[in-house]
Amino acid sequence: MVWQAPVILPEAAFEALLAAGLVKAARRSEARGWTRGVLKSTVIPFALVLAAASFAGWAAQRACPQAVRLTDAMRLCRGDGQHREPARAASDRR
């Protein structure tokens, strides 16, 4: 253990300083409340995902109105305007 001290001590000192800094930040965030921080951090990504999903749904509905799911629209309708009928399940073929 003694011969490992030069390797262990700098790492332990770094971790102690890091923990002290994180404790200060955690106390400040507790005083302000965590909900504001969470909302502030997630509102832009949420808006981007919502916009992308809305656009994908709109485009799929416009390109392939008979599709029920996005995978149906991708599988059934081509971008060149050709529409294909959905594949029937094995139980429907009888």
N, C-alpha and C. Protein backbone atom coordinates (compact mmCIF):
# COMPACT_ATOMS: atom_id res chain seq x y z
N MET A 1 0.82 -1.19 0.00
CA MET A 1 0.00 0.00 0.00
C MET A 1 0.86 1.25 0.00
N VAL A 2 1.97 1.23 0.68
CA VAL A 2 2.84 2.40 0.80
C VAL A 2 3.41 2.77 -0.57
N TRP A 3 3.80 1.79 -1.35
CA TRP A 3 4.40 2.09 -2.65
C TRP A 3 3.37 2.61 -3.66
N GLN A 4 2.09 2.44 -3.38
CA GLN A 4 1.03 2.97 -4.24
C GLN A 4 0.58 4.37 -3.83
N ALA A 5 1.05 4.88 -2.72
CA ALA A 5 0.61 6.17 -2.21
C ALA A 5 0.81 7.31 -3.22
N PRO A 6 1.93 7.40 -3.94
CA PRO A 6 2.07 8.49 -4.90
C PRO A 6 1.02 8.46 -6.02
N VAL A 7 0.46 7.32 -6.29
CA VAL A 7 -0.58 7.22 -7.32
C VAL A 7 -1.96 7.50 -6.72
N ILE A 8 -2.20 7.01 -5.52
CA ILE A 8 -3.52 7.12 -4.90
C ILE A 8 -3.80 8.52 -4.37
N LEU A 9 -2.83 9.18 -3.75
CA LEU A 9 -3.07 10.47 -3.09
C LEU A 9 -3.51 11.57 -4.05
N PRO A 10 -2.90 11.77 -5.21
CA PRO A 10 -3.41 12.80 -6.11
C PRO A 10 -4.84 12.52 -6.58
N GLU A 11 -5.15 11.26 -6.82
CA GLU A 11 -6.51 10.90 -7.24
C GLU A 11 -7.51 11.17 -6.12
N ALA A 12 -7.15 10.84 -4.90
CA ALA A 12 -8.03 11.10 -3.76
C ALA A 12 -8.22 12.60 -3.55
N ALA A 13 -7.16 13.38 -3.71
CA ALA A 13 -7.28 14.84 -3.57
C ALA A 13 -8.20 15.41 -4.64
N PHE A 14 -8.06 14.95 -5.86
CA PHE A 14 -8.93 15.42 -6.95
C PHE A 14 -10.38 15.09 -6.67
N GLU A 15 -10.65 13.88 -6.23
CA GLU A 15 -12.02 13.47 -5.94
C GLU A 15 -12.61 14.27 -4.77
N ALA A 16 -11.79 14.62 -3.78
CA ALA A 16 -12.27 15.43 -2.66
C ALA A 16 -12.64 16.83 -3.14
N LEU A 17 -11.81 17.43 -3.98
CA LEU A 17 -12.12 18.76 -4.52
C LEU A 17 -13.37 18.72 -5.40
N LEU A 18 -13.50 17.69 -6.20
CA LEU A 18 -14.67 17.55 -7.05
C LEU A 18 -15.94 17.40 -6.21
N ALA A 19 -15.87 16.59 -5.18
CA ALA A 19 -17.03 16.39 -4.31
C ALA A 19 -17.40 17.69 -3.60
N ALA A 20 -16.42 18.46 -3.15
CA ALA A 20 -16.71 19.73 -2.48
C ALA A 20 -17.42 20.69 -3.42
N GLY A 21 -16.99 20.75 -4.67
CA GLY A 21 -17.65 21.61 -5.65
C GLY A 21 -19.06 21.15 -5.95
N LEU A 22 -19.27 19.86 -6.04
CA LEU A 22 -20.60 19.33 -6.32
C LEU A 22 -21.56 19.56 -5.15
N VAL A 23 -21.04 19.50 -3.91
CA VAL A 23 -21.88 19.74 -2.75
C VAL A 23 -22.37 21.19 -2.76
N LYS A 24 -21.48 22.14 -3.10
CA LYS A 24 -21.88 23.54 -3.17
C LYS A 24 -22.97 23.75 -4.21
N ALA A 25 -22.79 23.16 -5.37
CA ALA A 25 -23.79 23.30 -6.44
C ALA A 25 -25.11 22.66 -6.04
N ALA A 26 -25.06 21.53 -5.36
CA ALA A 26 -26.28 20.86 -4.94
C ALA A 26 -27.03 21.69 -3.90
N ARG A 27 -26.32 22.32 -3.00
CA ARG A 27 -26.97 23.16 -1.99
C ARG A 27 -27.63 24.37 -2.63
N ARG A 28 -26.97 24.96 -3.62
CA ARG A 28 -27.56 26.11 -4.32
C ARG A 28 -28.83 25.69 -5.06
N SER A 29 -28.79 24.54 -5.72
CA SER A 29 -29.96 24.10 -6.47
C SER A 29 -31.10 23.71 -5.54
N GLU A 30 -30.80 23.19 -4.35
CA GLU A 30 -31.85 22.88 -3.39
C GLU A 30 -32.54 24.14 -2.90
N ALA A 31 -31.78 25.20 -2.74
CA ALA A 31 -32.36 26.45 -2.26
C ALA A 31 -33.31 27.04 -3.30
N ARG A 32 -32.99 26.91 -4.57
CA ARG A 32 -33.83 27.47 -5.63
C ARG A 32 -34.96 26.54 -6.03
N GLY A 33 -34.81 25.28 -5.79
CA GLY A 33 -35.80 24.30 -6.23
C GLY A 33 -35.32 23.63 -7.50
N TRP A 34 -35.53 22.34 -7.57
CA TRP A 34 -34.98 21.58 -8.69
C TRP A 34 -35.87 21.63 -9.92
N THR A 35 -37.15 21.94 -9.76
CA THR A 35 -38.05 21.88 -10.91
C THR A 35 -37.71 22.93 -11.96
N ARG A 36 -37.32 24.11 -11.53
CA ARG A 36 -36.96 25.14 -12.50
C ARG A 36 -35.76 24.70 -13.34
N GLY A 37 -34.77 24.10 -12.70
CA GLY A 37 -33.60 23.63 -13.43
C GLY A 37 -33.91 22.53 -14.42
N VAL A 38 -34.77 21.62 -14.00
CA VAL A 38 -35.15 20.52 -14.89
C VAL A 38 -35.92 21.06 -16.10
N LEU A 39 -36.88 21.92 -15.85
CA LEU A 39 -37.66 22.49 -16.96
C LEU A 39 -36.79 23.31 -17.89
N LYS A 40 -35.89 24.08 -17.32
CA LYS A 40 -35.01 24.92 -18.14
C LYS A 40 -34.09 24.06 -19.01
N SER A 41 -33.66 22.93 -18.48
CA SER A 41 -32.74 22.05 -19.21
C SER A 41 -33.43 21.22 -20.28
N THR A 42 -34.72 20.97 -20.13
CA THR A 42 -35.38 20.05 -21.05
C THR A 42 -36.37 20.69 -22.01
N VAL A 43 -36.67 21.97 -21.87
CA VAL A 43 -37.71 22.57 -22.71
C VAL A 43 -37.28 22.63 -24.18
N ILE A 44 -36.05 22.95 -24.47
CA ILE A 44 -35.61 23.04 -25.87
C ILE A 44 -35.54 21.66 -26.52
N PRO A 45 -34.91 20.64 -25.89
CA PRO A 45 -34.94 19.31 -26.51
C PRO A 45 -36.36 18.79 -26.70
N PHE A 46 -37.24 19.03 -25.73
CA PHE A 46 -38.63 18.59 -25.86
C PHE A 46 -39.30 19.26 -27.05
N ALA A 47 -39.09 20.55 -27.20
CA ALA A 47 -39.70 21.27 -28.33
C ALA A 47 -39.17 20.76 -29.67
N LEU A 48 -37.88 20.46 -29.75
CA LEU A 48 -37.30 19.95 -31.00
C LEU A 48 -37.86 18.57 -31.34
N VAL A 49 -37.96 17.68 -30.36
CA VAL A 49 -38.50 16.34 -30.61
C VAL A 49 -39.99 16.43 -30.99
N LEU A 50 -40.73 17.29 -30.31
CA LEU A 50 -42.14 17.47 -30.63
C LEU A 50 -42.32 17.99 -32.06
N ALA A 51 -41.50 18.96 -32.45
CA ALA A 51 -41.60 19.50 -33.81
C ALA A 51 -41.23 18.44 -34.85
N ALA A 52 -40.17 17.67 -34.59
CA ALA A 52 -39.76 16.64 -35.54
C ALA A 52 -40.83 15.55 -35.67
N ALA A 53 -41.40 15.12 -34.54
CA ALA A 53 -42.43 14.09 -34.59
C ALA A 53 -43.69 14.60 -35.28
N SER A 54 -44.05 15.85 -35.03
CA SER A 54 -45.23 16.42 -35.68
C SER A 54 -45.02 16.52 -37.19
N PHE A 55 -43.84 16.96 -37.61
CA PHE A 55 -43.55 17.06 -39.03
C PHE A 55 -43.55 15.69 -39.69
N ALA A 56 -42.95 14.69 -39.02
CA ALA A 56 -42.92 13.34 -39.58
C ALA A 56 -44.34 12.79 -39.72
N GLY A 57 -45.18 13.02 -38.74
CA GLY A 57 -46.57 12.56 -38.82
C GLY A 57 -47.33 13.25 -39.94
N TRP A 58 -47.13 14.55 -40.05
CA TRP A 58 -47.81 15.31 -41.12
C TRP A 58 -47.35 14.82 -42.49
N ALA A 59 -46.04 14.65 -42.66
CA ALA A 59 -45.50 14.22 -43.95
C ALA A 59 -45.97 12.80 -44.29
N ALA A 60 -46.01 11.91 -43.31
CA ALA A 60 -46.46 10.54 -43.55
C ALA A 60 -47.94 10.52 -43.92
N GLN A 61 -48.74 11.32 -43.24
CA GLN A 61 -50.18 11.38 -43.55
C GLN A 61 -50.42 11.94 -44.94
N ARG A 62 -49.64 12.93 -45.30
CA ARG A 62 -49.80 13.54 -46.63
C ARG A 62 -49.34 12.58 -47.74
N ALA A 63 -48.27 11.84 -47.50
CA ALA A 63 -47.72 10.94 -48.52
C ALA A 63 -48.52 9.65 -48.63
N CYS A 64 -49.06 9.18 -47.52
CA CYS A 64 -49.71 7.88 -47.51
C CYS A 64 -50.90 7.90 -46.55
N PRO A 65 -52.03 8.44 -46.99
CA PRO A 65 -53.16 8.61 -46.07
C PRO A 65 -53.75 7.31 -45.54
N GLN A 66 -53.58 6.20 -46.23
CA GLN A 66 -54.17 4.95 -45.75
C GLN A 66 -53.34 4.29 -44.66
N ALA A 67 -52.13 4.76 -44.41
CA ALA A 67 -51.27 4.18 -43.38
C ALA A 67 -51.78 4.55 -41.99
N VAL A 68 -51.69 3.58 -41.09
CA VAL A 68 -52.13 3.80 -39.72
C VAL A 68 -50.95 4.17 -38.84
N ARG A 69 -49.81 3.53 -39.08
CA ARG A 69 -48.59 3.77 -38.32
C ARG A 69 -47.51 4.31 -39.22
N LEU A 70 -46.49 4.90 -38.63
CA LEU A 70 -45.38 5.42 -39.41
C LEU A 70 -44.66 4.31 -40.18
N THR A 71 -44.55 3.14 -39.56
CA THR A 71 -43.92 2.02 -40.27
C THR A 71 -44.74 1.59 -41.47
N ASP A 72 -46.06 1.68 -41.36
CA ASP A 72 -46.92 1.38 -42.51
C ASP A 72 -46.66 2.37 -43.63
N ALA A 73 -46.55 3.62 -43.30
CA ALA A 73 -46.30 4.64 -44.32
C ALA A 73 -44.96 4.42 -45.00
N MET A 74 -43.97 4.02 -44.24
CA MET A 74 -42.65 3.78 -44.83
C MET A 74 -42.65 2.53 -45.69
N ARG A 75 -43.39 1.52 -45.27
CA ARG A 75 -43.41 0.26 -46.01
C ARG A 75 -44.37 0.31 -47.20
N LEU A 76 -45.52 0.93 -47.05
CA LEU A 76 -46.56 0.87 -48.08
C LEU A 76 -46.41 1.91 -49.17
N CYS A 77 -45.94 3.05 -48.84
CA CYS A 77 -45.92 4.15 -49.80
C CYS A 77 -44.48 4.55 -50.12
N ARG A 78 -44.23 4.65 -51.37
CA ARG A 78 -42.92 5.11 -51.82
C ARG A 78 -42.94 6.61 -52.00
N GLY A 79 -41.78 7.20 -52.02
CA GLY A 79 -41.68 8.63 -52.23
C GLY A 79 -41.98 9.05 -53.66
N ASP A 80 -42.03 8.10 -54.61
CA ASP A 80 -42.27 8.45 -56.01
C ASP A 80 -43.76 8.49 -56.36
N GLY A 81 -44.61 8.39 -55.37
CA GLY A 81 -46.04 8.51 -55.61
C GLY A 81 -46.74 7.18 -55.83
N GLN A 82 -46.01 6.08 -55.88
CA GLN A 82 -46.63 4.78 -56.08
C GLN A 82 -47.11 4.25 -54.74
N HIS A 83 -48.32 3.74 -54.70
CA HIS A 83 -48.89 3.19 -53.48
C HIS A 83 -49.02 1.69 -53.63
N ARG A 84 -48.68 0.97 -52.57
CA ARG A 84 -48.81 -0.48 -52.57
C ARG A 84 -49.82 -0.89 -51.52
N GLU A 85 -50.46 -2.00 -51.76
CA GLU A 85 -51.41 -2.53 -50.79
C GLU A 85 -50.65 -3.15 -49.63
N PRO A 86 -51.22 -3.11 -48.44
CA PRO A 86 -50.54 -3.73 -47.30
C PRO A 86 -50.47 -5.23 -47.44
N ALA A 87 -49.38 -5.81 -46.94
CA ALA A 87 -49.23 -7.26 -46.98
C ALA A 87 -50.19 -7.88 -45.97
N ARG A 88 -50.85 -8.97 -46.38
CA ARG A 88 -51.79 -9.63 -45.49
C ARG A 88 -51.05 -10.58 -44.57
N ALA A 89 -51.58 -10.76 -43.39
CA ALA A 89 -51.02 -11.72 -42.43
C ALA A 89 -51.31 -13.13 -42.93
N ALA A 90 -50.57 -14.09 -42.43
CA ALA A 90 -50.73 -15.50 -42.83
C ALA A 90 -52.13 -16.00 -42.51
N SER A 91 -52.71 -15.54 -41.41
CA SER A 91 -54.07 -15.99 -41.05
C SER A 91 -55.13 -15.42 -41.99
N ASP A 92 -54.85 -14.30 -42.65
CA ASP A 92 -55.82 -13.67 -43.58
C ASP A 92 -55.79 -14.32 -44.96
N ARG A 93 -54.76 -15.08 -45.28
CA ARG A 93 -54.60 -15.65 -46.60
C ARG A 93 -55.51 -16.85 -46.84
N ARG A 94 -56.02 -17.46 -45.81
CA ARG A 94 -56.83 -18.68 -45.93
C ARG A 94 -58.18 -18.41 -46.45
